C-alpha cells in the first residue's frame, strides 16, 4: 500500500511539474491612453505651484476679495507692470493678488510707491512659511 501511495505522489508531482512549466504570469503589454487635457492641466498645476512658493521674499498685495475681481485685477496689473510677476493666492475666504518677488525690503518699497499710484490700498507683505 505504501508503495502505491509513493507512486501516486510521484506521478502527481510529475504531472504538476509539467503543467506548471507551461504556465506563465501576465505577459500582455498594457497600453494606457490618456486625454491630452490631463497633461495640460497637470502642467498648469505645476506652474501654479511653482509661482505660489512662499519663501523669504517680499511681495506687494494689491487686492483681497472675490475670484472674478482678483482675476481682473491680476490681468490689469500684468498690463500695467510688465516687469513684475503676479499671482493669485487663495486664503480662505479671499483671493489675494500678489505682485513681485523682491529680495530686499528697499527694492519692494520702491515698487510699492509706483504701484500705489494706481492701487491706493496696496501694501508690502512678507509671506510666512
C-alpha atoms as a PDB file:
ATOM      1  CA  UNK A   1       0.000   0.000   0.000  1.00  0.00           C
ATOM      2  CA  UNK A   2       2.784   2.393   0.885  1.00  0.00           C
ATOM      3  CA  UNK A   3       4.470   1.752  -2.458  1.00  0.00           C
ATOM      4  CA  UNK A   4       1.325   2.720  -4.364  1.00  0.00           C
ATOM      5  CA  UNK A   5       0.971   5.888  -2.275  1.00  0.00           C
ATOM      6  CA  UNK A   6       4.561   6.828  -3.130  1.00  0.00           C
ATOM      7  CA  UNK A   7       3.920   6.053  -6.836  1.00  0.00           C
ATOM      8  CA  UNK A   8       0.795   8.233  -6.808  1.00  0.00           C
ATOM      9  CA  UNK A   9       2.664  11.027  -5.044  1.00  0.00           C
ATOM     10  CA  UNK A  10       5.485  10.812  -7.582  1.00  0.00           C
ATOM     11  CA  UNK A  11       3.011  10.668 -10.500  1.00  0.00           C
ATOM     12  CA  UNK A  12       1.022  13.719  -9.314  1.00  0.00           C
ATOM     13  CA  UNK A  13       4.201  15.670  -8.599  1.00  0.00           C
ATOM     14  CA  UNK A  14       5.473  14.914 -12.105  1.00  0.00           C
ATOM     15  CA  UNK A  15       2.155  15.986 -13.717  1.00  0.00           C
ATOM     16  CA  UNK A  16       2.037  19.162 -11.604  1.00  0.00           C
ATOM     17  CA  UNK A  17       5.601  19.998 -12.658  1.00  0.00           C
ATOM     18  CA  UNK A  18       4.774  19.582 -16.346  1.00  0.00           C
ATOM     19  CA  UNK A  19       1.660  21.730 -16.063  1.00  0.00           C
ATOM     20  CA  UNK A  20       3.439  24.473 -14.146  1.00  0.00           C
ATOM     21  CA  UNK A  21       6.182  24.736 -16.787  1.00  0.00           C
ATOM     22  CA  UNK A  22       3.637  25.786 -19.385  1.00  0.00           C
ATOM     23  CA  UNK A  23       2.005  28.353 -17.077  1.00  0.00           C
ATOM     24  CA  UNK A  24       3.140  31.945 -17.344  1.00  0.00           C
ATOM     25  CA  UNK A  25       2.447  35.127 -15.492  1.00  0.00           C
ATOM     26  CA  UNK A  26       0.758  38.027 -17.185  1.00  0.00           C
ATOM     27  CA  UNK A  27       2.806  38.728 -20.271  1.00  0.00           C
ATOM     28  CA  UNK A  28       0.486  41.050 -22.161  1.00  0.00           C
ATOM     29  CA  UNK A  29       1.517  44.583 -22.945  1.00  0.00           C
ATOM     30  CA  UNK A  30      -0.729  47.201 -21.443  1.00  0.00           C
ATOM     31  CA  UNK A  31      -1.329  50.415 -23.345  1.00  0.00           C
ATOM     32  CA  UNK A  32      -2.742  53.363 -21.446  1.00  0.00           C
ATOM     33  CA  UNK A  33      -4.295  56.183 -23.404  1.00  0.00           C
ATOM     34  CA  UNK A  34      -4.576  59.483 -21.624  1.00  0.00           C
ATOM     35  CA  UNK A  35      -6.614  62.531 -22.503  1.00  0.00           C
ATOM     36  CA  UNK A  36      -4.225  65.310 -23.646  1.00  0.00           C
ATOM     37  CA  UNK A  37      -6.126  67.805 -21.493  1.00  0.00           C
ATOM     38  CA  UNK A  38      -4.958  65.903 -18.410  1.00  0.00           C
ATOM     39  CA  UNK A  39      -1.311  66.640 -19.209  1.00  0.00           C
ATOM     40  CA  UNK A  40      -2.198  70.272 -19.900  1.00  0.00           C
ATOM     41  CA  UNK A  41      -3.952  70.551 -16.526  1.00  0.00           C
ATOM     42  CA  UNK A  42      -1.017  68.905 -14.812  1.00  0.00           C
ATOM     43  CA  UNK A  43       1.399  71.408 -16.367  1.00  0.00           C
ATOM     44  CA  UNK A  44      -0.825  74.303 -15.277  1.00  0.00           C
ATOM     45  CA  UNK A  45      -0.892  72.912 -11.738  1.00  0.00           C
ATOM     46  CA  UNK A  46       2.895  72.605 -11.699  1.00  0.00           C
ATOM     47  CA  UNK A  47       3.249  76.176 -12.934  1.00  0.00           C
ATOM     48  CA  UNK A  48       0.777  77.431 -10.321  1.00  0.00           C
ATOM     49  CA  UNK A  49       2.506  75.560  -7.513  1.00  0.00           C
ATOM     50  CA  UNK A  50       5.872  76.954  -8.555  1.00  0.00           C
ATOM     51  CA  UNK A  51       4.554  80.510  -8.614  1.00  0.00           C
ATOM     52  CA  UNK A  52       2.883  80.246  -5.201  1.00  0.00           C
ATOM     53  CA  UNK A  53       6.019  79.072  -3.478  1.00  0.00           C
ATOM     54  CA  UNK A  54       6.163  81.052  -0.285  1.00  0.00           C
ATOM     55  CA  UNK A  55       9.701  81.985   0.549  1.00  0.00           C
ATOM     56  CA  UNK A  56      11.596  84.656   2.392  1.00  0.00           C
ATOM     57  CA  UNK A  57      10.948  87.280  -0.265  1.00  0.00           C
ATOM     58  CA  UNK A  58       8.773  90.361  -0.110  1.00  0.00           C
ATOM     59  CA  UNK A  59       5.619  90.784  -2.157  1.00  0.00           C
ATOM     60  CA  UNK A  60       3.080  93.536  -2.681  1.00  0.00           C
ATOM     61  CA  UNK A  61      -0.552  92.709  -2.071  1.00  0.00           C
ATOM     62  CA  UNK A  62      -2.808  94.667  -4.382  1.00  0.00           C
ATOM     63  CA  UNK A  63      -6.207  93.075  -3.738  1.00  0.00           C
ATOM     64  CA  UNK A  64      -8.064  90.718  -1.424  1.00  0.00           C
ATOM     65  CA  UNK A  65     -11.607  89.619  -2.270  1.00  0.00           C
ATOM     66  CA  UNK A  66     -13.636  87.510  -4.702  1.00  0.00           C
ATOM     67  CA  UNK A  67     -12.222  85.364  -7.503  1.00  0.00           C
ATOM     68  CA  UNK A  68     -13.566  87.254 -10.526  1.00  0.00           C
ATOM     69  CA  UNK A  69     -12.313  90.631  -9.342  1.00  0.00           C
ATOM     70  CA  UNK A  70      -8.949  89.117  -8.429  1.00  0.00           C
ATOM     71  CA  UNK A  71      -8.545  87.710 -11.958  1.00  0.00           C
ATOM     72  CA  UNK A  72      -9.458  91.071 -13.497  1.00  0.00           C
ATOM     73  CA  UNK A  73      -7.043  92.970 -11.264  1.00  0.00           C
ATOM     74  CA  UNK A  74      -4.236  90.482 -11.963  1.00  0.00           C
ATOM     75  CA  UNK A  75      -4.751  90.942 -15.704  1.00  0.00           C
ATOM     76  CA  UNK A  76      -4.664  94.730 -15.291  1.00  0.00           C
ATOM     77  CA  UNK A  77      -1.539  94.523 -13.133  1.00  0.00           C
ATOM     78  CA  UNK A  78       0.276  92.399 -15.689  1.00  0.00           C
ATOM     79  CA  UNK A  79      -0.504  95.013 -18.339  1.00  0.00           C
ATOM     80  CA  UNK A  80       0.480  97.967 -16.141  1.00  0.00           C
ATOM     81  CA  UNK A  81       3.561  96.443 -14.508  1.00  0.00           C
ATOM     82  CA  UNK A  82       5.087  94.137 -17.116  1.00  0.00           C
ATOM     83  CA  UNK A  83       8.372  93.771 -15.239  1.00  0.00           C
ATOM     84  CA  UNK A  84       6.681  92.300 -12.128  1.00  0.00           C
ATOM     85  CA  UNK A  85       5.494  88.738 -11.705  1.00  0.00           C
ATOM     86  CA  UNK A  86       1.926  88.457 -10.438  1.00  0.00           C
ATOM     87  CA  UNK A  87      -0.056  85.642  -8.907  1.00  0.00           C
ATOM     88  CA  UNK A  88      -3.368  84.905  -7.225  1.00  0.00           C
ATOM     89  CA  UNK A  89      -3.266  83.129  -3.879  1.00  0.00           C
ATOM     90  CA  UNK A  90      -6.332  81.672  -2.183  1.00  0.00           C
ATOM     91  CA  UNK A  91      -6.550  82.217   1.559  1.00  0.00           C
ATOM     92  CA  UNK A  92      -9.993  81.217   2.828  1.00  0.00           C
ATOM     93  CA  UNK A  93     -12.316  83.001   2.043  1.00  0.00           C
ATOM     94  CA  UNK A  94     -10.426  85.537  -0.085  1.00  0.00           C
ATOM     95  CA  UNK A  95      -8.377  85.536  -3.258  1.00  0.00           C
ATOM     96  CA  UNK A  96      -5.309  87.730  -2.976  1.00  0.00           C
ATOM     97  CA  UNK A  97      -3.347  89.317  -5.792  1.00  0.00           C
ATOM     98  CA  UNK A  98       0.370  89.463  -5.096  1.00  0.00           C
ATOM     99  CA  UNK A  99       2.918  91.261  -7.247  1.00  0.00           C
ATOM    100  CA  UNK A 100       6.663  90.890  -7.328  1.00  0.00           C
ATOM    101  CA  UNK A 101       9.208  88.682  -5.707  1.00  0.00           C
ATOM    102  CA  UNK A 102      11.646  91.070  -4.052  1.00  0.00           C
ATOM    103  CA  UNK A 103      14.780  90.046  -2.188  1.00  0.00           C
ATOM    104  CA  UNK A 104      15.073  93.198  -0.115  1.00  0.00           C
ATOM    105  CA  UNK A 105      12.547  95.414   1.589  1.00  0.00           C
ATOM    106  CA  UNK A 106      14.037  98.508  -0.034  1.00  0.00           C
ATOM    107  CA  UNK A 107      13.510  97.088  -3.516  1.00  0.00           C
ATOM    108  CA  UNK A 108       9.904  96.206  -2.646  1.00  0.00           C
ATOM    109  CA  UNK A 109       9.224  99.676  -1.208  1.00  0.00           C
ATOM    110  CA  UNK A 110      10.468 101.337  -4.417  1.00  0.00           C
ATOM    111  CA  UNK A 111       7.992  99.330  -6.458  1.00  0.00           C
ATOM    112  CA  UNK A 112       5.256  99.903  -3.870  1.00  0.00           C
ATOM    113  CA  UNK A 113       5.436 103.662  -4.465  1.00  0.00           C
ATOM    114  CA  UNK A 114       4.896 103.098  -8.199  1.00  0.00           C
ATOM    115  CA  UNK A 115       2.084 100.576  -7.656  1.00  0.00           C
ATOM    116  CA  UNK A 116       0.240 102.857  -5.206  1.00  0.00           C
ATOM    117  CA  UNK A 117      -0.237 105.406  -7.991  1.00  0.00           C
ATOM    118  CA  UNK A 118      -2.840 103.021  -9.445  1.00  0.00           C
ATOM    119  CA  UNK A 119      -3.764 100.819  -6.452  1.00  0.00           C
ATOM    120  CA  UNK A 120      -4.009 103.034  -3.352  1.00  0.00           C
ATOM    121  CA  UNK A 121      -4.617 100.140  -0.940  1.00  0.00           C
ATOM    122  CA  UNK A 122      -1.545  98.143  -1.985  1.00  0.00           C
ATOM    123  CA  UNK A 123       0.809  97.214   0.816  1.00  0.00           C
ATOM    124  CA  UNK A 124       4.020  95.322   1.421  1.00  0.00           C
ATOM    125  CA  UNK A 125       3.931  91.770   2.804  1.00  0.00           C
ATOM    126  CA  UNK A 126       6.406  89.061   3.648  1.00  0.00           C
ATOM    127  CA  UNK A 127       4.541  85.735   3.487  1.00  0.00           C
ATOM    128  CA  UNK A 128       5.291  83.273   6.266  1.00  0.00           C
ATOM    129  CA  UNK A 129       6.319  79.710   5.507  1.00  0.00           C
END
